[in-house]
Protein backbone atom coordinates (compact mmCIF):
# COMPACT_ATOMS: atom_id res chain seq x y z
CA MET A 1 0.01 0.04 -0.01
CA GLY A 2 1.13 3.49 -0.66
CA PHE A 3 -0.30 6.90 -1.34
CA LEU A 4 0.87 9.94 -3.30
CA GLY A 5 -1.09 12.28 -1.14
CA ALA A 6 -3.42 12.16 1.87
CA GLY A 7 -6.44 14.43 2.09
CA VAL A 8 -10.13 14.27 2.21
CA GLY A 9 -11.35 14.69 -1.40
CA ARG A 10 -7.91 15.46 -2.67
CA ALA A 11 -5.58 12.47 -2.53
CA ILE A 12 -4.62 9.91 -5.14
CA VAL A 13 -4.59 6.55 -3.50
CA ARG A 14 -2.66 3.55 -4.97
CA ASP A 15 -2.71 -0.09 -4.28
CA ALA A 16 0.32 -2.39 -3.76
CA CYS A 17 0.82 -2.70 -7.56
CA GLY A 18 0.66 1.01 -8.03
CA HIS A 19 -2.72 1.16 -9.53
CA ARG A 20 -4.91 4.13 -8.63
CA THR A 21 -7.82 3.11 -6.39
CA TRP A 22 -10.78 4.78 -4.81
CA GLY A 23 -10.14 5.55 -1.18
CA SER A 24 -12.38 5.08 1.83
CA ASP A 25 -16.07 6.08 2.10
CA CYS A 26 -15.29 9.01 4.33
CA GLY A 27 -14.71 11.06 1.20
CA VAL A 28 -11.22 10.26 -0.07
CA TYR A 29 -11.29 10.03 -3.82
CA GLU A 30 -8.99 10.33 -6.87
CA SER A 31 -8.51 13.84 -8.21
CA ASP A 32 -5.72 15.95 -9.76
CA PHE A 33 -3.67 18.31 -7.57
CA ALA A 34 -0.62 20.53 -7.95
CA LEU A 35 2.62 18.64 -8.09
CA ALA A 36 4.19 20.87 -5.46
CA GLN A 37 4.81 18.60 -2.57
CA PRO A 38 5.99 19.39 0.96
CA VAL A 39 9.80 19.34 1.03
CA ASN A 40 10.57 19.70 4.73
CA HIS A 41 9.31 18.43 8.05
CA VAL A 42 7.29 21.38 9.00
CA GLU A 43 5.49 21.70 5.66
CA ARG A 44 4.81 18.09 5.73
CA PHE A 45 3.35 18.16 9.11
CA ARG A 46 1.22 21.20 8.30
CA ALA A 47 -0.03 19.68 5.08
CA VAL A 48 -1.18 16.52 6.84
CA MET A 49 -3.01 18.52 9.52
CA ASN A 50 -4.69 20.49 6.84
CA PHE A 51 -5.79 17.33 4.83
CA GLN A 52 -3.52 18.30 1.94
CA PRO A 53 -1.48 16.12 -0.37
CA VAL A 54 1.93 15.00 1.02
CA ASP A 55 4.95 13.16 -0.33
CA ARG A 56 4.83 10.82 2.75
CA LEU A 57 3.44 10.96 6.25
CA PRO A 58 5.46 12.10 9.06
CA ARG A 59 7.45 9.57 11.15
CA TRP A 60 7.01 10.39 14.81
CA GLU A 61 7.21 9.03 18.24
CA TRP A 62 4.91 11.54 19.89
CA ALA A 63 5.51 10.10 23.44
CA MET A 64 8.95 10.18 24.89
CA TRP A 65 10.35 6.72 25.61
CA TRP A 66 10.10 5.34 29.11
CA ASP A 67 13.37 5.56 31.11
CA GLU A 68 13.17 1.80 31.69
CA THR A 69 12.84 1.24 28.04
CA ILE A 70 15.88 3.30 27.28
CA ALA A 71 17.83 1.54 30.12
CA ARG A 72 17.09 -1.85 28.47
CA TRP A 73 18.00 -0.61 24.95
CA HIS A 74 21.38 0.63 26.36
CA GLY A 75 22.22 -2.97 26.90
CA GLU A 76 21.06 -3.80 23.32
CA GLY A 77 22.90 -1.26 21.16
CA LEU A 78 21.49 2.20 21.86
CA PRO A 79 24.37 4.52 22.68
CA ARG A 80 24.69 4.99 26.51
CA HIS A 81 25.19 8.75 26.11
CA LEU A 82 21.61 9.05 24.89
CA ARG A 83 19.51 9.54 27.99
CA ALA A 84 15.78 9.23 28.23
CA SER A 85 15.34 13.02 28.41
CA GLN A 86 17.08 13.55 25.15
CA VAL A 87 14.08 12.91 22.99
CA PHE A 88 15.31 14.98 19.99
CA ASP A 89 18.63 13.13 19.81
CA ILE A 90 17.13 9.66 20.31
CA ALA A 91 14.66 10.29 17.59
CA ARG A 92 17.45 11.49 15.21
CA TRP A 93 19.46 8.30 16.11
CA PHE A 94 16.38 6.18 15.07
CA GLY A 95 15.92 8.25 11.85
CA LEU A 96 12.56 9.71 12.87
CA ASP A 97 11.41 13.08 11.96
CA PRO A 98 12.73 15.82 14.33
CA TYR A 99 10.58 17.81 16.68
CA GLN A 100 11.16 19.60 19.95
CA GLN A 101 8.46 19.63 22.63
CA PHE A 102 8.29 22.43 25.23
CA TRP A 103 6.00 21.42 28.22
CA PHE A 104 5.45 24.41 30.47
CA SER A 105 5.14 23.12 34.02
CA THR A 106 2.72 24.75 36.39
CA THR A 107 5.04 23.98 39.43
CA ASP A 108 8.70 24.30 38.27
CA PRO A 109 10.56 26.46 35.77
CA THR A 110 11.21 23.62 33.44
CA ILE A 111 9.88 22.42 30.10
CA GLU A 112 9.65 18.88 31.35
CA ALA A 113 6.52 17.17 32.95
CA THR A 114 7.65 17.33 36.65
CA GLN A 115 4.41 18.34 38.33
CA HIS A 116 3.66 14.97 40.02
CA HIS A 117 5.48 15.76 43.25
CA VAL A 118 2.64 18.11 44.36
CA GLU A 119 -0.19 15.65 43.82
CA GLY A 120 -2.94 15.84 46.50
CA ILE A 121 -1.57 18.78 48.47
CA VAL A 122 -4.89 20.83 48.14
CA ALA A 123 -8.07 19.86 49.87
CA ASN A 124 -9.82 23.37 50.31
CA MET A 125 -9.47 27.02 49.55
CA ASP A 126 -7.12 27.54 52.58
CA ASP A 127 -4.70 24.93 51.12
CA TYR A 128 -4.79 26.54 47.75
CA VAL A 129 -4.13 30.05 49.09
CA ARG A 130 -1.21 28.58 51.02
CA VAL A 131 0.49 26.97 48.11
CA ARG A 132 -0.48 29.43 45.45
CA PRO A 133 2.79 31.46 45.80
CA ASP A 134 4.79 28.36 44.92
CA LEU A 135 2.82 27.69 41.67
CA PHE A 136 2.85 29.18 38.23
CA PRO A 137 6.67 29.73 37.84
CA ALA A 138 8.43 32.02 35.46
CA HIS A 139 9.52 30.31 32.25
CA ALA A 140 11.64 33.11 30.79
CA VAL A 141 14.78 30.91 30.40
CA ALA A 142 13.00 28.21 28.60
CA ILE A 143 11.23 30.62 26.40
CA GLU A 144 14.44 32.34 25.43
CA GLY A 145 15.83 28.93 24.61
CA MET A 146 13.15 28.51 21.97
CA ALA A 147 14.65 31.04 19.73
CA ALA A 148 17.14 28.48 18.25
CA TRP A 149 14.29 26.05 17.63
CA ALA A 150 12.24 28.81 16.05
CA ALA A 151 15.06 29.24 13.59
CA ARG A 152 15.12 25.54 12.79
CA GLN A 153 11.32 25.59 12.40
CA ARG A 154 11.52 28.49 9.93
CA LEU A 155 14.02 26.43 7.90
CA GLY A 156 11.75 23.41 8.11
CA GLN A 157 14.32 21.40 9.98
CA ALA A 158 12.14 20.57 13.08
CA VAL A 159 8.56 20.93 14.34
CA VAL A 160 8.18 23.03 17.47
CA TRP A 161 5.43 21.64 19.73
CA CYS A 162 4.31 23.34 22.99
CA THR A 163 2.19 21.79 25.69
CA LEU A 164 0.08 23.54 28.35
CA GLU A 165 -1.46 21.91 31.34
CA GLY A 166 -5.22 21.86 31.18
CA PHE A 167 -8.32 22.73 33.32
CA PHE A 168 -9.01 19.11 34.49
CA TRP A 169 -5.34 18.08 34.65
CA PHE A 170 -4.15 20.74 36.99
CA PRO A 171 -6.86 20.68 39.57
CA ARG A 172 -6.42 16.98 39.65
CA THR A 173 -2.68 17.41 40.19
CA LEU A 174 -3.21 19.68 43.12
CA MET A 175 -6.16 17.70 44.70
CA GLY A 176 -5.83 14.10 43.57
CA PHE A 177 -8.57 12.34 41.85
CA GLU A 178 -11.01 11.67 44.74
CA LYS A 179 -10.90 15.08 46.31
CA LEU A 180 -11.45 16.58 42.79
CA MET A 181 -14.46 14.47 42.21
CA PHE A 182 -16.08 15.70 45.46
CA ALA A 183 -15.03 19.25 44.81
CA PHE A 184 -17.11 19.55 41.65
CA ALA A 185 -20.17 19.15 43.93
CA ASP A 186 -18.84 20.66 47.23
CA GLN A 187 -16.34 23.25 46.39
CA PRO A 188 -17.07 24.69 42.91
CA GLU A 189 -15.50 28.10 43.91
CA LEU A 190 -12.18 26.49 44.70
CA LEU A 191 -12.14 24.84 41.14
CA HIS A 192 -13.04 28.06 39.46
CA ALA A 193 -10.29 29.87 41.44
CA ILE A 194 -7.72 27.43 40.39
CA ASN A 195 -8.75 27.48 36.80
CA ARG A 196 -9.01 31.24 36.54
CA ASP A 197 -5.41 31.39 37.83
CA LEU A 198 -4.37 28.65 35.39
CA LEU A 199 -6.04 30.47 32.47
CA ALA A 200 -4.20 33.73 33.40
CA PHE A 201 -0.88 31.78 33.47
CA ASN A 202 -1.40 30.10 30.23
CA LEU A 203 -2.45 33.29 28.45
CA ASP A 204 0.62 35.09 29.81
CA LEU A 205 2.85 32.16 28.53
CA LEU A 206 1.35 32.40 25.12
CA ASP A 207 2.14 36.03 24.92
CA GLN A 208 5.72 35.42 25.93
CA ILE A 209 6.05 32.39 23.60
CA PHE A 210 4.65 34.16 20.59
CA ARG A 211 7.22 36.90 20.86
CA VAL A 212 9.87 34.27 20.23
CA CYS A 213 8.26 31.41 18.26
CA VAL A 214 4.87 30.51 16.85
CA PRO A 215 4.68 26.78 17.45
CA THR A 216 3.73 24.34 14.67
CA PHE A 217 1.13 22.99 16.86
CA MET A 218 0.17 22.77 20.54
CA THR A 219 -1.34 20.11 22.91
CA ILE A 220 -3.06 20.60 26.19
CA ALA A 221 -2.60 17.95 28.80
CA GLU A 222 -5.85 16.68 30.32
CA ASP A 223 -5.95 12.82 30.68
CA MET A 224 -9.66 13.24 31.37
CA SER A 225 -10.87 9.94 29.92
CA TYR A 226 -10.33 6.30 30.97
CA ASN A 227 -11.20 2.98 29.29
CA HIS A 228 -14.88 3.57 29.55
CA GLY A 229 -15.03 7.18 28.51
CA PRO A 230 -14.80 10.70 30.05
CA MET A 231 -14.16 10.85 33.85
CA ILE A 232 -16.71 13.60 34.09
CA SER A 233 -20.09 14.26 32.74
CA GLY A 234 -20.83 16.61 29.96
CA ARG A 235 -22.65 19.03 32.30
CA THR A 236 -19.62 19.08 34.64
CA PHE A 237 -17.31 19.62 31.58
CA ASP A 238 -19.48 22.48 30.50
CA GLU A 239 -19.40 24.21 33.88
CA PHE A 240 -15.83 23.72 35.02
CA VAL A 241 -13.68 23.10 31.87
CA ALA A 242 -15.32 24.53 28.74
CA PRO A 243 -15.41 28.17 29.76
CA TYR A 244 -11.60 28.37 30.14
CA TYR A 245 -11.10 26.73 26.76
CA ARG A 246 -13.38 29.35 25.16
CA ALA A 247 -11.07 32.05 26.65
CA LEU A 248 -7.83 30.30 25.54
CA LEU A 249 -8.57 29.03 22.02
CA PRO A 250 -8.96 32.47 20.27
CA ARG A 251 -5.37 33.10 21.18
CA LEU A 252 -4.23 30.09 19.10
CA GLN A 253 -6.84 30.37 16.35
CA GLU A 254 -5.78 33.87 15.34
CA ARG A 255 -2.34 32.48 14.72
CA GLY A 256 -3.49 29.33 12.99
CA ILE A 257 -2.02 26.99 15.53
CA PRO A 258 -3.91 23.66 15.86
CA LEU A 259 -4.69 22.50 19.40
CA LEU A 260 -4.92 18.74 20.28
CA MET A 261 -5.94 17.33 23.57
CA ASP A 262 -3.69 14.83 25.13
CA THR A 263 -5.97 12.47 26.94
CA ASP A 264 -5.65 8.72 27.39
CA GLY A 265 -8.46 6.16 27.46
CA ASP A 266 -11.56 6.11 25.38
CA VAL A 267 -12.20 9.57 23.84
CA THR A 268 -15.20 8.68 21.73
CA ARG A 269 -17.83 10.55 23.83
CA LEU A 270 -15.37 13.42 24.63
CA VAL A 271 -14.61 14.35 20.95
CA PRO A 272 -17.94 16.04 20.27
CA TRP A 273 -17.48 18.24 23.36
CA LEU A 274 -14.07 19.25 22.01
CA GLU A 275 -15.31 19.74 18.50
CA GLU A 276 -17.95 22.18 19.75
CA LEU A 277 -15.29 24.23 21.49
CA GLY A 278 -12.97 24.28 18.59
CA VAL A 279 -10.32 21.82 19.80
CA GLN A 280 -9.16 20.35 16.63
CA GLY A 281 -7.73 16.93 17.59
CA VAL A 282 -6.90 14.29 20.04
CA LEU A 283 -3.94 11.91 20.93
CA PRO A 284 -2.94 9.21 21.60
CA LEU A 285 -6.12 7.09 20.76
CA GLU A 286 -5.29 4.10 22.99
CA ARG A 287 -6.29 0.90 21.39
CA GLN A 288 -6.42 -0.93 24.73
CA ALA A 289 -9.37 1.36 25.58
CA GLN A 290 -11.11 0.26 22.45
CA VAL A 291 -10.77 3.48 20.67
CA ASP A 292 -11.77 3.11 16.99
CA GLY A 293 -10.05 5.81 14.98
CA TRP A 294 -11.81 5.00 11.77
CA GLN A 295 -15.27 5.28 13.40
CA LEU A 296 -14.10 8.70 14.77
CA ARG A 297 -12.96 9.71 11.27
CA ARG A 298 -16.38 8.77 9.72
CA GLN A 299 -18.17 10.64 12.48
CA PHE A 300 -15.80 13.69 12.54
CA PRO A 301 -14.21 14.08 9.11
CA ARG A 302 -11.96 16.92 10.14
CA LEU A 303 -10.71 15.65 13.46
CA LEU A 304 -6.89 15.67 13.74
CA MET A 305 -5.45 12.44 15.33
CA VAL A 306 -2.00 11.21 16.33
CA GLY A 307 -1.13 7.81 17.70
CA HIS A 308 -3.39 4.76 17.61
CA PHE A 309 -0.79 2.08 16.81
CA ASP A 310 -1.35 -0.59 19.48
CA LYS A 311 1.80 -0.81 21.56
CA MET A 312 0.78 -4.27 22.66
CA THR A 313 1.51 -5.72 19.33
CA MET A 314 5.17 -4.76 19.49
CA THR A 315 6.35 -7.88 21.40
CA ARG A 316 4.38 -10.23 19.19
CA GLY A 317 6.47 -10.03 16.07
CA GLU A 318 6.39 -8.61 12.55
CA ALA A 319 3.22 -10.22 11.41
CA ALA A 320 1.21 -8.78 14.42
CA MET A 321 2.80 -5.19 13.78
CA ARG A 322 2.07 -5.40 10.10
CA ALA A 323 -1.51 -6.39 10.78
CA GLU A 324 -1.83 -3.40 13.02
CA PHE A 325 -0.48 -1.05 10.43
CA GLU A 326 -2.96 -2.57 7.80
CA ARG A 327 -5.78 -1.66 10.31
CA LEU A 328 -4.53 1.90 10.24
CA VAL A 329 -4.44 2.17 6.39
CA PRO A 330 -7.76 3.82 5.87
CA LEU A 331 -6.90 6.47 8.55
CA MET A 332 -3.54 7.14 6.91
CA ARG A 333 -5.33 7.53 3.55
CA SER A 334 -7.86 9.91 4.93
CA GLY A 335 -5.57 12.75 5.99
CA GLY A 336 -5.34 14.55 9.36
CA PHE A 337 -3.66 11.55 10.98
CA ILE A 338 -0.13 10.69 12.00
CA PRO A 339 0.41 7.04 13.02
CA SER A 340 2.48 6.61 16.13
CA VAL A 341 2.63 4.35 19.15
CA ASP A 342 -0.48 4.84 21.19
CA HIS A 343 1.61 5.76 24.28
CA GLN A 344 5.14 5.35 25.52
CA THR A 345 6.93 2.24 24.19
CA PRO A 346 7.03 -0.20 27.14
CA PRO A 347 10.18 -1.68 28.48
CA GLY A 348 9.08 -5.21 27.41
CA VAL A 349 9.86 -4.14 23.83
CA SER A 350 13.36 -4.98 22.79
CA LEU A 351 15.52 -2.77 20.65
CA GLY A 352 15.26 -5.30 17.78
CA GLN A 353 11.48 -5.26 18.13
CA TYR A 354 11.43 -1.56 17.99
CA ARG A 355 13.58 -1.57 15.00
CA CYS A 356 11.11 -3.85 13.27
CA TYR A 357 8.33 -1.47 14.12
CA LEU A 358 10.37 1.38 12.60
CA GLY A 359 10.94 -0.47 9.47
CA LEU A 360 7.19 -0.99 9.06
CA LEU A 361 6.54 2.61 9.95
CA LYS A 362 8.84 3.66 7.19
CA GLU A 363 7.15 1.26 4.78
CA TYR A 364 3.59 2.27 5.51
CA THR A 365 4.25 6.00 5.62
CA GLN A 366 6.07 6.06 2.34
CA GLY A 367 4.45 7.68 -0.66
CA SER A 368 4.22 5.80 -3.91
């Protein structure tokens, strides 16, 4: 299987013999288009996210590798100087497309996800007022460091990706899951105080970031779904989460930056809520949660998706991994989708198995 381009109503799809074929019934069909193809990583990413023709699909590992996985691979051939935190360098060693993620922590002046050491420290408004001075750090140093990556992005050498913490994620980080669930009913004023402060922090961050770099895309960390769907009701979402997205999203939309929500589990019932707000996509579409990306594509033709390759197939050999890629072929043909492991590659996967996965990724993302 291959494709010359990917896009709803725009791509020419070819079968394994190189013959032109009709695409899926979500609206992919044969038509002519300009021969100008993306020539660099940034153009390619933007074309896929805009359902436009591409020379090939991006080859990404959206989730950094587990430190346990990297430790195992050090004993199997991965150079030992490559640490788990060196995502860009590891991706380059594997021959993956380059990107740099900046995750802006709410608790430390770092671009790494280090917020977990504060989990559960807030039970009421008094607790929040007490810890508030230690939250929402300055990120001037990290933002200044984005300038070099902005230059790479302008040259098409790397995609710049920024992550903000979201309006379900952050209250849960401060309170823990159980206290948060009770607070929706018992302490609504506390949750709104937290999210008003988070919104102000995120908007100020965006002002600073945009003076240095306009990212190729952004994600917002939420993890608000599990294997049976959203962790909160639509009514709760509308009251405690949606208003803050409505205030945040225009800042991104005016600059043409797509926003995807990072939320594990089954996102099927969550997606309509996001589309109504203007959130354009989701990742990682975990297969273990029975997410069906093709069903989502048919229901939401313009939904952006990243991930969805079942990581559990990676220890079962080439045939199992090839079958998983075959499952994803209709999505790859439809545009607006980048195949990637549906969460961090687990330490049970050997370096040899991962190389097999990469070989198949290259095969299935290659244009004809």
